[in-house]
Amino acid sequence: MGLRSLLRRLVSTDGSLASRTVIGGIWVAMTNGGARVLQLVMLVVLARLLSPEEFGLMGIALLVIAALTRFSQLGLDQALIQRPEENVDDYFGTVWILSILRALVIGGAAFLSAPYVADFFGEPRAVIVPLLSLIALGPIARGLENPAAVYFEKDLEFHKQFLLVVSRAGTRVTVSIGYALYDPSVYALAYGYVAGYTAQTVFSYILADRWFRPSFDLEKARELIDYGKWLMGSGILSYLYGEGDDVFVGRVLSTQALGYYQLAYRLSNAPATEVAQTISKVVMPAYSKIQDDIPAVREGFRRTLRLSTLVAFPLGIGIIAVADPFVATFLGSQWGPMVLPMQVLTLYGLLRALRTPAAPLFKALGRPDLMTKLQVVSLVVMAVTIYPLTVTFDLGLVGASLAVVLSGAAYLPPAAIVTRRLIDERLRTLVVVPMYPAVASLVMGAVAYGAGQAVSQAVGIPAVTFVVTTLVGMVVYPAVLFALEWQFDFGLNELIRQVRQGI
C-alpha cells in the first residue's frame, strides 16, 4: 500500500498514524520554534551585555562537553524508538542505569580534563577549570532524566515534548539573562545551561505517565548498544565534522574569533537546525512504523524533502539578505566581524536542508551505519581544506566557513546515491523536488536585497533596512512559489491539502 492510500485511509479523528504524524510535526515545529525564539532573545540580550570573548569561553566549555557526549553516545533513545513493539517499558531500568553511568563519566572526564583544555586553547586555568567544572553538572542532570520520556517521540506525543523542551529553554533564558544583569560574565551562560537541563529532568518525571524500577539486564543492554554502536561512531564523526571547525578556530585563531564564529553559525543555521530537528523527531518514528513498506517510505521521503526545502531555503536566503542590518540593529557594532562568515555559513545550512531527510530514513530502516560512512566523506574534505583556506590564503573566519560549506557539498552526491538504492528512488526526483523552492528563494533574495539596499542608501538606518528587506521577502516568496505551482504543478497544493487534512 502506498503512502497516499495509507493517508486516505488513516487520516481521521481516531488518532491514526498519518494524522498523528502531521499533528506531531506541528507540535515539533512549535517546540523548536518556541525554543529558537527564546534562544534568539537570550543571544540578542546577552550579546549586548557580554563580549565575544566571553561567548568564546563558553564555546570552549561546550566543545569539551560535546566531545565527551558524542564520543560516548549509546543511541539508547533511538534504539527504543526504532523497535517495532509498542511497549518498551522493560528496557527502562537498564536505560536509566546506563544513562546515569554515562553522565557520571562525562562529568568526571570534563572536570579532570579542564586544566589540559585551558592549556590547549591558551587560556588561563583559573578561568577554564571552574567554568568547565560548573558546566559538567549539565550532562549529569540530563543523565537522570526519566527514560519513559522516550514515548513522547515513539508514540508521537509531541505536545509533551513541547512542554519538556520549553521548560529547559525557558529556564535557561531566564537564569542566563537574570544572572547577566547581576554579573555580566560568562557564568551567566554557564548557570543558565545547567539550570535548563535540571528543569528538563524535573519535568520529564512530571509529564511522563509511566514509572519504572531501577534495574540492569545485561542482555537488554547488549541489544540496545548493538543498535547504537553505529550511532556512537556517527556521533564521533559528527563531532569531528560538526565541531572540528570550532576547535580549529579556537586553537589557531583566538577565543574571541571562536565567539564570533559560533554565534554566526547558530544564527545562520537556525532554520536548517529547526527543520532537521523537526523532521528527525517526527519522521523517524513514523518511518519505523512502516519500515517494511518501501513504497510508502519512498512517498513519505519525497514529501519530507519537499517540506524541508520549502521551509529552509527561503529562510536561509533571507538570512543572507538581512545579515548586515540584523547584526547592526540587534547585536551591536562589536559583532560586525561575524557578518560575512554568517552569510557564508548560511550556504551550509541550505545544504543541510537537502540532506536532512536522509538521516531519519537511514535510522528507521536499520542502517545507521550509512550516516557514519557518509560523514567520513565530509570530514575528510573539511580536514583537507580548512587550514589552507583559513591560514594559507589568510581568509580567517571566512576561510573556515568555506571549508564547512565544501564539506557539506561533498556529502550530498553519495547520500543521493545511497538513498536512491535504499528506497528505489529516481535520481530525477531528488533534483526536481528541491528545484522549485530554490528558484523561488533566489528570486525572493534578489528582490528583497535590492529593496533593502535602496532603503539603506536613502535612509541609512539599519533597523529600517532590516524591516523593509524582511517584509519584501515575506511577500515575494509565496507569490513566486504559487506562480510556479500554477505553471508547473510541482505538488505545493497537494502538500497544503495533506497538512489541512492531517490537522
Protein backbone atom coordinates (compact mmCIF):
# COMPACT_ATOMS: atom_id res chain seq x y z
CA MET A 1 0.00 0.00 0.00
CA GLY A 2 1.43 3.41 -0.98
CA LEU A 3 1.63 6.25 1.49
CA ARG A 4 -1.07 8.10 -0.47
CA SER A 5 -3.54 5.28 0.07
CA LEU A 6 -2.38 4.99 3.66
CA LEU A 7 -3.09 8.68 4.21
CA ARG A 8 -6.57 8.46 2.71
CA ARG A 9 -7.41 5.53 4.94
CA LEU A 10 -5.79 6.72 8.13
CA VAL A 11 -6.35 10.46 8.24
CA SER A 12 -9.27 10.72 10.62
CA THR A 13 -10.01 11.69 14.19
CA ASP A 14 -9.17 8.26 15.56
CA GLY A 15 -5.54 9.03 16.34
CA SER A 16 -4.21 7.43 13.13
CA LEU A 17 -0.54 7.27 12.26
CA ALA A 18 -0.74 9.79 9.43
CA SER A 19 -2.82 12.34 11.32
CA ARG A 20 -0.67 11.91 14.41
CA THR A 21 2.42 12.41 12.25
CA VAL A 22 1.11 15.67 10.80
CA ILE A 23 -0.09 16.96 14.16
CA GLY A 24 3.16 15.76 15.72
CA GLY A 25 5.06 17.71 13.09
CA ILE A 26 3.15 20.85 14.02
CA TRP A 27 3.91 20.31 17.70
CA VAL A 28 7.61 19.71 16.98
CA ALA A 29 7.71 22.83 14.81
CA MET A 30 6.13 24.76 17.68
CA THR A 31 8.60 23.18 20.09
CA ASN A 32 11.65 24.03 18.05
CA GLY A 33 10.25 27.40 17.05
CA GLY A 34 9.49 28.32 20.65
CA ALA A 35 12.91 27.19 21.82
CA ARG A 36 14.56 29.02 18.91
CA VAL A 37 12.74 32.27 19.70
CA LEU A 38 13.72 32.02 23.36
CA GLN A 39 17.32 31.28 22.39
CA LEU A 40 17.36 34.19 19.96
CA VAL A 41 16.08 36.54 22.66
CA MET A 42 18.77 35.25 25.02
CA LEU A 43 21.55 35.66 22.44
CA VAL A 44 20.46 39.17 21.47
CA VAL A 45 20.24 40.34 25.10
CA LEU A 46 23.47 38.66 26.17
CA ALA A 47 25.34 39.88 23.08
CA ARG A 48 24.67 43.38 24.35
CA LEU A 49 25.87 42.53 27.86
CA LEU A 50 28.76 40.13 27.20
CA SER A 51 31.80 40.32 24.93
CA PRO A 52 32.62 37.97 22.01
CA GLU A 53 35.48 36.57 24.12
CA GLU A 54 33.07 35.52 26.88
CA PHE A 55 30.94 33.75 24.29
CA GLY A 56 34.15 32.10 23.12
CA LEU A 57 34.96 30.87 26.64
CA MET A 58 31.53 29.29 26.89
CA GLY A 59 32.13 27.83 23.46
CA ILE A 60 35.30 26.14 24.66
CA ALA A 61 33.49 24.56 27.61
CA LEU A 62 30.66 23.33 25.42
CA LEU A 63 33.13 21.89 22.90
CA VAL A 64 34.50 19.67 25.66
CA ILE A 65 31.05 18.56 26.79
CA ALA A 66 30.01 17.92 23.20
CA ALA A 67 33.12 15.82 22.59
CA LEU A 68 32.55 13.67 25.66
CA THR A 69 28.83 13.36 24.85
CA ARG A 70 29.33 12.36 21.23
CA PHE A 71 32.24 10.01 21.96
CA SER A 72 30.10 8.14 24.48
CA GLN A 73 26.84 8.19 22.52
CA LEU A 74 24.93 4.95 23.06
CA GLY A 75 21.84 5.73 20.96
CA LEU A 76 19.52 4.34 23.64
CA ASP A 77 16.52 6.53 22.80
CA GLN A 78 16.90 5.90 19.08
CA ALA A 79 17.13 2.16 19.69
CA LEU A 80 13.86 2.21 21.67
CA ILE A 81 12.09 4.33 19.06
CA GLN A 82 13.24 2.06 16.23
CA ARG A 83 11.95 -1.11 17.92
CA PRO A 84 8.67 -2.25 16.28
CA GLU A 85 6.90 -3.21 19.52
CA GLU A 86 4.72 -0.53 21.07
CA ASN A 87 5.65 -1.22 24.71
CA VAL A 88 9.31 -0.89 25.68
CA ASP A 89 8.83 -0.45 29.45
CA ASP A 90 11.01 -3.47 30.25
CA TYR A 91 14.06 -1.61 28.97
CA PHE A 92 13.66 1.49 31.15
CA GLY A 93 15.54 0.28 34.23
CA THR A 94 18.54 -0.69 32.12
CA VAL A 95 18.41 2.53 30.10
CA TRP A 96 18.30 4.63 33.28
CA ILE A 97 21.34 2.90 34.79
CA LEU A 98 23.32 3.18 31.55
CA SER A 99 22.38 6.87 31.22
CA ILE A 100 23.50 7.69 34.76
CA LEU A 101 26.79 5.84 34.38
CA ARG A 102 27.46 7.63 31.11
CA ALA A 103 26.58 11.02 32.65
CA LEU A 104 28.97 10.47 35.57
CA VAL A 105 31.75 9.51 33.18
CA ILE A 106 31.13 12.65 31.11
CA GLY A 107 31.06 14.91 34.17
CA GLY A 108 34.16 13.35 35.71
CA ALA A 109 36.12 13.47 32.47
CA ALA A 110 35.20 17.13 31.95
CA PHE A 111 36.38 18.01 35.45
CA LEU A 112 39.68 16.10 35.10
CA SER A 113 40.43 17.43 31.62
CA ALA A 114 39.81 21.10 32.46
CA PRO A 115 43.48 22.07 33.08
CA TYR A 116 44.58 20.45 29.81
CA VAL A 117 41.76 22.14 27.92
CA ALA A 118 42.94 25.51 29.24
CA ASP A 119 46.49 24.82 28.07
CA PHE A 120 45.31 23.63 24.64
CA PHE A 121 43.35 26.81 23.92
CA GLY A 122 45.89 29.09 25.59
CA GLU A 123 43.50 30.33 28.27
CA PRO A 124 44.24 30.74 32.00
CA ARG A 125 43.48 27.65 34.08
CA ALA A 126 41.91 29.91 36.68
CA VAL A 127 39.22 30.75 34.13
CA ILE A 128 38.62 27.43 32.35
CA VAL A 129 38.79 25.00 35.31
CA PRO A 130 35.93 26.45 37.41
CA LEU A 131 33.87 27.18 34.28
CA LEU A 132 34.16 23.64 32.92
CA SER A 133 33.59 22.15 36.38
CA LEU A 134 30.28 24.01 36.54
CA ILE A 135 29.25 23.10 33.00
CA ALA A 136 29.93 19.41 33.78
CA LEU A 137 26.84 19.41 36.02
CA GLY A 138 24.66 19.81 32.91
CA PRO A 139 25.12 16.31 31.45
CA ILE A 140 24.85 14.80 34.95
CA ALA A 141 21.45 16.44 35.40
CA ARG A 142 20.42 15.25 31.96
CA GLY A 143 21.52 11.68 32.71
CA LEU A 144 18.93 11.49 35.49
CA GLU A 145 16.06 12.16 33.05
CA ASN A 146 13.09 9.79 33.09
CA PRO A 147 13.62 7.23 30.27
CA ALA A 148 9.84 6.97 29.86
CA ALA A 149 10.04 10.33 28.10
CA VAL A 150 11.05 8.36 25.01
CA TYR A 151 7.33 7.70 24.47
CA PHE A 152 6.88 11.38 23.66
CA GLU A 153 8.63 10.63 20.36
CA LYS A 154 7.87 6.93 19.93
CA ASP A 155 4.11 7.49 20.25
CA LEU A 156 4.22 10.90 18.51
CA GLU A 157 3.01 12.65 21.70
CA PHE A 158 4.88 15.80 20.85
CA HIS A 159 2.68 18.09 22.93
CA LYS A 160 4.53 16.63 25.94
CA GLN A 161 7.86 17.05 24.18
CA PHE A 162 6.90 20.68 23.64
CA LEU A 163 6.48 21.25 27.38
CA LEU A 164 9.72 19.39 28.11
CA VAL A 165 11.83 21.45 25.71
CA VAL A 166 10.21 24.76 26.55
CA SER A 167 10.80 24.12 30.26
CA ARG A 168 14.52 23.75 29.52
CA ALA A 169 14.75 26.69 27.12
CA GLY A 170 12.63 28.99 29.27
CA THR A 171 14.62 28.22 32.40
CA ARG A 172 17.92 28.69 30.59
CA VAL A 173 16.92 32.06 29.17
CA THR A 174 15.51 33.31 32.49
CA VAL A 175 18.52 32.27 34.54
CA SER A 176 21.09 33.45 31.97
CA ILE A 177 19.60 36.91 31.48
CA GLY A 178 18.84 37.31 35.18
CA TYR A 179 22.38 36.42 36.17
CA ALA A 180 23.88 38.61 33.43
CA LEU A 181 22.03 41.64 34.74
CA TYR A 182 23.62 40.95 38.13
CA ASP A 183 27.05 39.83 36.89
CA PRO A 184 27.69 40.26 33.11
CA SER A 185 30.20 37.43 32.75
CA VAL A 186 30.50 34.04 31.09
CA TYR A 187 28.91 32.48 34.21
CA ALA A 188 25.55 33.87 33.08
CA LEU A 189 25.73 31.43 30.16
CA ALA A 190 27.04 28.61 32.36
CA TYR A 191 24.41 28.80 35.10
CA GLY A 192 21.66 29.07 32.51
CA TYR A 193 22.94 25.93 30.76
CA VAL A 194 22.93 23.83 33.94
CA ALA A 195 19.60 25.20 35.14
CA GLY A 196 17.98 24.40 31.81
CA TYR A 197 18.87 20.70 31.88
CA THR A 198 17.92 20.46 35.54
CA ALA A 199 14.46 21.80 34.73
CA GLN A 200 14.10 19.36 31.83
CA THR A 201 14.88 16.41 34.08
CA VAL A 202 12.33 17.51 36.67
CA PHE A 203 9.63 17.96 34.02
CA SER A 204 10.40 14.55 32.48
CA TYR A 205 9.10 12.93 35.68
CA ILE A 206 6.11 15.25 35.87
CA LEU A 207 5.00 14.74 32.27
CA ALA A 208 5.68 11.01 31.78
CA ASP A 209 2.78 8.78 32.78
CA ARG A 210 4.89 5.63 33.17
CA TRP A 211 7.18 4.62 36.00
CA PHE A 212 9.98 2.09 36.29
CA ARG A 213 12.24 0.37 38.78
CA PRO A 214 15.99 0.87 38.53
CA SER A 215 17.42 -2.42 37.30
CA PHE A 216 20.02 -3.75 34.93
CA ASP A 217 19.62 -6.51 32.36
CA LEU A 218 22.89 -7.34 30.62
CA GLU A 219 21.16 -8.94 27.64
CA LYS A 220 18.94 -5.90 27.08
CA ALA A 221 21.95 -3.60 27.45
CA ARG A 222 23.81 -5.54 24.77
CA GLU A 223 20.79 -5.43 22.49
CA LEU A 224 20.44 -1.66 22.78
CA ILE A 225 24.14 -0.94 22.47
CA ASP A 226 24.41 -3.21 19.42
CA TYR A 227 21.96 -0.92 17.61
CA GLY A 228 23.65 2.19 18.96
CA LYS A 229 27.23 1.24 18.08
CA TRP A 230 26.92 2.82 14.65
CA LEU A 231 25.29 5.87 16.20
CA MET A 232 28.29 6.11 18.52
CA GLY A 233 30.58 6.01 15.51
CA SER A 234 28.37 8.55 13.81
CA GLY A 235 28.48 10.71 16.95
CA ILE A 236 32.27 10.71 16.98
CA LEU A 237 32.45 11.62 13.30
CA SER A 238 29.65 14.13 13.79
CA TYR A 239 31.67 15.87 16.46
CA LEU A 240 34.86 15.95 14.39
CA TYR A 241 32.82 17.21 11.45
CA GLY A 242 30.39 19.48 13.30
CA GLU A 243 32.68 20.87 16.00
CA GLY A 244 36.10 20.24 14.49
CA ASP A 245 36.00 23.62 12.80
CA ASP A 246 35.17 25.27 16.15
CA VAL A 247 38.15 23.57 17.79
CA PHE A 248 40.35 24.71 14.89
CA VAL A 249 39.14 28.32 15.12
CA GLY A 250 39.59 28.47 18.91
CA ARG A 251 43.06 26.89 18.75
CA VAL A 252 44.52 28.54 15.63
CA LEU A 253 42.80 31.94 15.67
CA SER A 254 41.56 33.06 19.11
CA THR A 255 38.85 32.68 21.74
CA GLN A 256 37.32 35.92 20.52
CA ALA A 257 37.21 34.56 16.96
CA LEU A 258 35.50 31.45 18.31
CA GLY A 259 32.85 33.67 19.89
CA TYR A 260 32.18 35.36 16.54
CA TYR A 261 32.20 32.04 14.69
CA GLN A 262 29.86 30.12 16.98
CA LEU A 263 27.28 32.88 17.15
CA ALA A 264 27.45 33.25 13.36
CA TYR A 265 26.82 29.53 12.97
CA ARG A 266 23.89 29.48 15.41
CA LEU A 267 22.13 32.34 13.68
CA SER A 268 22.90 31.30 10.11
CA ASN A 269 21.91 27.67 10.59
CA ALA A 270 18.88 28.24 12.81
CA PRO A 271 16.37 27.43 10.01
CA ALA A 272 18.29 24.31 8.92
CA THR A 273 18.61 23.14 12.53
CA GLU A 274 14.91 23.80 13.08
CA VAL A 275 13.92 21.74 10.05
CA ALA A 276 16.41 18.96 10.86
CA GLN A 277 15.19 18.56 14.43
CA THR A 278 11.53 18.64 13.41
CA ILE A 279 12.00 16.06 10.67
CA SER A 280 14.19 13.76 12.74
CA LYS A 281 11.79 13.68 15.68
CA VAL A 282 8.64 13.18 13.63
CA VAL A 283 9.67 11.25 10.54
CA MET A 284 11.99 8.69 12.12
CA PRO A 285 9.35 7.13 14.43
CA ALA A 286 6.75 7.35 11.64
CA TYR A 287 9.07 5.61 9.17
CA SER A 288 9.85 2.97 11.78
CA LYS A 289 6.18 2.02 11.96
CA ILE A 290 6.01 1.42 8.17
CA GLN A 291 9.63 0.34 7.60
CA ASP A 292 8.56 -2.84 5.75
CA ASP A 293 6.51 -0.86 3.19
CA ILE A 294 9.18 0.66 0.94
CA PRO A 295 6.73 2.36 -1.48
CA ALA A 296 5.11 4.12 1.48
CA VAL A 297 8.51 5.14 2.85
CA ARG A 298 9.56 6.42 -0.58
CA GLU A 299 6.46 8.58 -0.94
CA GLY A 300 6.97 9.91 2.57
CA PHE A 301 10.59 10.74 1.79
CA ARG A 302 9.58 12.83 -1.23
CA ARG A 303 7.14 14.84 0.83
CA THR A 304 9.68 15.30 3.58
CA LEU A 305 12.28 16.58 1.09
CA ARG A 306 9.72 18.97 -0.40
CA LEU A 307 8.68 20.32 3.00
CA SER A 308 12.28 20.64 4.20
CA THR A 309 13.36 22.75 1.25
CA LEU A 310 10.15 24.78 1.13
CA VAL A 311 10.81 26.00 4.66
CA ALA A 312 14.62 26.11 4.95
CA PHE A 313 15.54 27.60 1.57
CA PRO A 314 13.70 30.94 1.86
CA LEU A 315 14.74 31.39 5.48
CA GLY A 316 18.37 30.72 4.58
CA ILE A 317 18.42 33.07 1.61
CA GLY A 318 16.62 35.62 3.77
CA ILE A 319 19.35 35.43 6.40
CA ILE A 320 21.98 36.23 3.76
CA ALA A 321 19.96 39.25 2.66
CA VAL A 322 19.40 40.71 6.16
CA ALA A 323 22.60 39.65 7.96
CA ASP A 324 24.27 43.07 7.90
CA PRO A 325 21.33 45.19 9.16
CA PHE A 326 20.32 42.45 11.62
CA VAL A 327 23.73 42.39 13.33
CA ALA A 328 23.96 46.19 13.37
CA THR A 329 20.45 46.56 14.81
CA PHE A 330 20.22 43.77 17.36
CA LEU A 331 23.77 42.79 18.35
CA GLY A 332 25.78 45.99 18.01
CA SER A 333 28.93 47.11 16.21
CA GLN A 334 31.21 44.86 18.29
CA TRP A 335 29.77 41.86 16.40
CA GLY A 336 30.42 43.33 12.93
CA PRO A 337 33.23 40.83 12.07
CA MET A 338 30.73 37.94 12.13
CA VAL A 339 28.54 39.22 9.26
CA LEU A 340 30.42 37.73 6.29
CA PRO A 341 31.13 34.35 7.99
CA MET A 342 27.43 34.26 8.92
CA GLN A 343 26.43 34.72 5.29
CA VAL A 344 28.84 32.02 4.08
CA LEU A 345 27.72 29.56 6.77
CA THR A 346 24.13 30.07 5.66
CA LEU A 347 25.06 28.25 2.44
CA TYR A 348 25.94 25.25 4.58
CA GLY A 349 22.51 25.49 6.17
CA LEU A 350 20.91 25.27 2.73
CA LEU A 351 22.92 22.11 2.01
CA ARG A 352 21.77 20.66 5.33
CA ALA A 353 18.15 21.15 4.28
CA LEU A 354 18.83 18.89 1.29
CA ARG A 355 20.46 16.10 3.28
CA THR A 356 18.23 16.29 6.38
CA PRO A 357 15.50 13.86 5.17
CA ALA A 358 18.09 11.10 4.65
CA ALA A 359 19.27 10.70 8.26
CA PRO A 360 15.94 9.59 9.81
CA LEU A 361 15.41 7.37 6.78
CA PHE A 362 18.69 5.52 7.37
CA LYS A 363 17.97 5.07 11.08
CA ALA A 364 14.36 3.96 10.62
CA LEU A 365 15.37 1.31 8.08
CA GLY A 366 18.01 -0.06 10.44
CA ARG A 367 21.00 1.38 8.54
CA PRO A 368 22.53 3.99 10.88
CA ASP A 369 25.92 2.84 9.58
CA LEU A 370 25.25 4.78 6.38
CA MET A 371 25.27 8.05 8.31
CA THR A 372 28.67 7.19 9.74
CA LYS A 373 30.15 6.29 6.38
CA LEU A 374 28.84 9.41 4.67
CA GLN A 375 30.17 11.64 7.44
CA VAL A 376 33.64 10.27 6.76
CA VAL A 377 33.50 11.86 3.30
CA SER A 378 32.53 15.26 4.72
CA LEU A 379 35.14 15.05 7.47
CA VAL A 380 37.96 14.31 5.01
CA VAL A 381 37.00 17.27 2.82
CA MET A 382 36.89 19.66 5.78
CA ALA A 383 40.17 18.36 7.20
CA VAL A 384 41.91 18.87 3.85
CA THR A 385 40.54 22.37 3.15
CA ILE A 386 40.19 24.20 6.47
CA TYR A 387 43.86 25.01 7.12
CA PRO A 388 44.68 26.26 3.60
CA LEU A 389 41.54 28.38 3.37
CA THR A 390 41.90 29.80 6.88
CA VAL A 391 45.67 30.25 7.24
CA THR A 392 47.47 29.78 3.92
CA PHE A 393 45.10 32.05 1.99
CA ASP A 394 44.65 34.22 5.10
CA LEU A 395 40.85 34.21 4.90
CA GLY A 396 40.36 33.75 8.64
CA LEU A 397 36.79 33.04 9.72
CA VAL A 398 35.56 33.24 6.13
CA GLY A 399 38.04 30.51 5.15
CA ALA A 400 36.86 28.23 7.95
CA SER A 401 33.26 28.87 6.86
CA LEU A 402 34.08 27.99 3.24
CA ALA A 403 35.67 24.72 4.35
CA VAL A 404 32.44 23.80 6.14
CA VAL A 405 30.40 24.60 3.03
CA LEU A 406 32.65 22.42 0.86
CA SER A 407 32.37 19.54 3.32
CA GLY A 408 28.58 19.84 3.24
CA ALA A 409 28.57 19.80 -0.56
CA ALA A 410 30.71 16.64 -0.58
CA TYR A 411 28.09 14.81 1.49
CA LEU A 412 25.25 15.18 -0.99
CA PRO A 413 26.26 13.08 -4.06
CA PRO A 414 26.97 9.83 -2.16
CA ALA A 415 23.92 10.43 0.06
CA ALA A 416 21.73 10.75 -3.03
CA ILE A 417 23.13 7.51 -4.47
CA VAL A 418 22.60 5.59 -1.24
CA THR A 419 19.08 6.95 -0.76
CA ARG A 420 18.19 6.10 -4.35
CA ARG A 421 19.24 2.48 -3.86
CA LEU A 422 17.71 2.13 -0.41
CA ILE A 423 14.16 3.13 -1.39
CA ASP A 424 14.38 2.64 -5.16
CA GLU A 425 14.03 6.38 -5.78
CA ARG A 426 14.61 8.13 -9.11
CA LEU A 427 17.58 10.48 -9.28
CA ARG A 428 15.46 12.96 -11.22
CA THR A 429 13.07 13.25 -8.26
CA LEU A 430 15.92 14.12 -5.90
CA VAL A 431 16.85 17.00 -8.21
CA VAL A 432 13.41 18.27 -9.25
CA VAL A 433 11.72 18.34 -5.83
CA PRO A 434 14.02 21.00 -4.27
CA MET A 435 14.40 22.94 -7.53
CA TYR A 436 11.16 24.92 -7.21
CA PRO A 437 11.71 26.28 -3.68
CA ALA A 438 15.31 27.03 -4.68
CA VAL A 439 14.21 29.17 -7.64
CA ALA A 440 11.55 30.95 -5.58
CA SER A 441 14.03 31.62 -2.78
CA LEU A 442 16.69 33.05 -5.12
CA VAL A 443 14.16 35.39 -6.74
CA MET A 444 12.95 36.45 -3.30
CA GLY A 445 16.51 37.02 -2.07
CA ALA A 446 17.45 39.18 -5.07
CA VAL A 447 14.33 41.34 -4.83
CA ALA A 448 14.49 41.70 -1.04
CA TYR A 449 18.21 42.52 -1.02
CA GLY A 450 17.74 45.10 -3.78
CA ALA A 451 14.90 46.76 -1.86
CA GLY A 452 16.99 46.76 1.32
CA GLN A 453 19.96 48.37 -0.41
CA ALA A 454 17.75 51.08 -1.86
CA VAL A 455 16.30 51.87 1.56
CA SER A 456 19.75 51.78 3.16
CA GLN A 457 21.08 54.35 0.71
CA ALA A 458 18.03 56.54 1.14
CA VAL A 459 17.59 56.34 4.92
CA GLY A 460 20.80 54.86 6.34
CA ILE A 461 19.13 53.34 9.39
CA PRO A 462 19.90 49.58 9.79
CA ALA A 463 16.66 48.85 11.63
CA VAL A 464 14.57 50.27 8.79
CA THR A 465 16.63 48.35 6.23
CA PHE A 466 16.07 45.13 8.17
CA VAL A 467 12.31 45.61 8.40
CA VAL A 468 11.87 46.52 4.72
CA THR A 469 14.06 43.65 3.50
CA THR A 470 12.17 41.17 5.67
CA LEU A 471 8.71 42.37 4.64
CA VAL A 472 9.58 42.35 0.94
CA GLY A 473 10.89 38.79 1.25
CA MET A 474 7.75 37.64 3.06
CA VAL A 475 5.60 38.94 0.19
CA VAL A 476 7.74 37.88 -2.77
CA TYR A 477 8.48 34.26 -1.79
CA PRO A 478 4.90 32.94 -1.56
CA ALA A 479 3.97 34.93 -4.67
CA VAL A 480 6.74 33.34 -6.75
CA LEU A 481 6.08 29.92 -5.21
CA PHE A 482 2.38 29.90 -6.09
CA ALA A 483 3.20 31.21 -9.57
CA LEU A 484 5.49 28.21 -10.07
CA GLU A 485 2.79 25.89 -8.71
CA TRP A 486 0.23 27.37 -11.11
CA GLN A 487 2.60 26.93 -14.05
CA PHE A 488 4.22 23.57 -13.26
CA ASP A 489 2.02 21.91 -10.58
CA PHE A 490 5.01 20.68 -8.56
CA GLY A 491 2.96 19.49 -5.58
CA LEU A 492 2.54 22.55 -3.33
CA ASN A 493 -1.27 22.48 -3.31
CA GLU A 494 -1.28 18.77 -2.56
CA LEU A 495 1.09 19.27 0.36
CA ILE A 496 -1.09 22.05 1.78
CA ARG A 497 -4.17 19.86 1.43
CA GLN A 498 -2.49 16.98 3.26
CA VAL A 499 -1.47 19.22 6.13
CA ARG A 500 -5.03 20.54 6.44
CA GLN A 501 -6.46 17.03 6.43
CA GLY A 502 -3.91 15.90 9.00
CA ILE A 503 -4.93 18.71 11.30
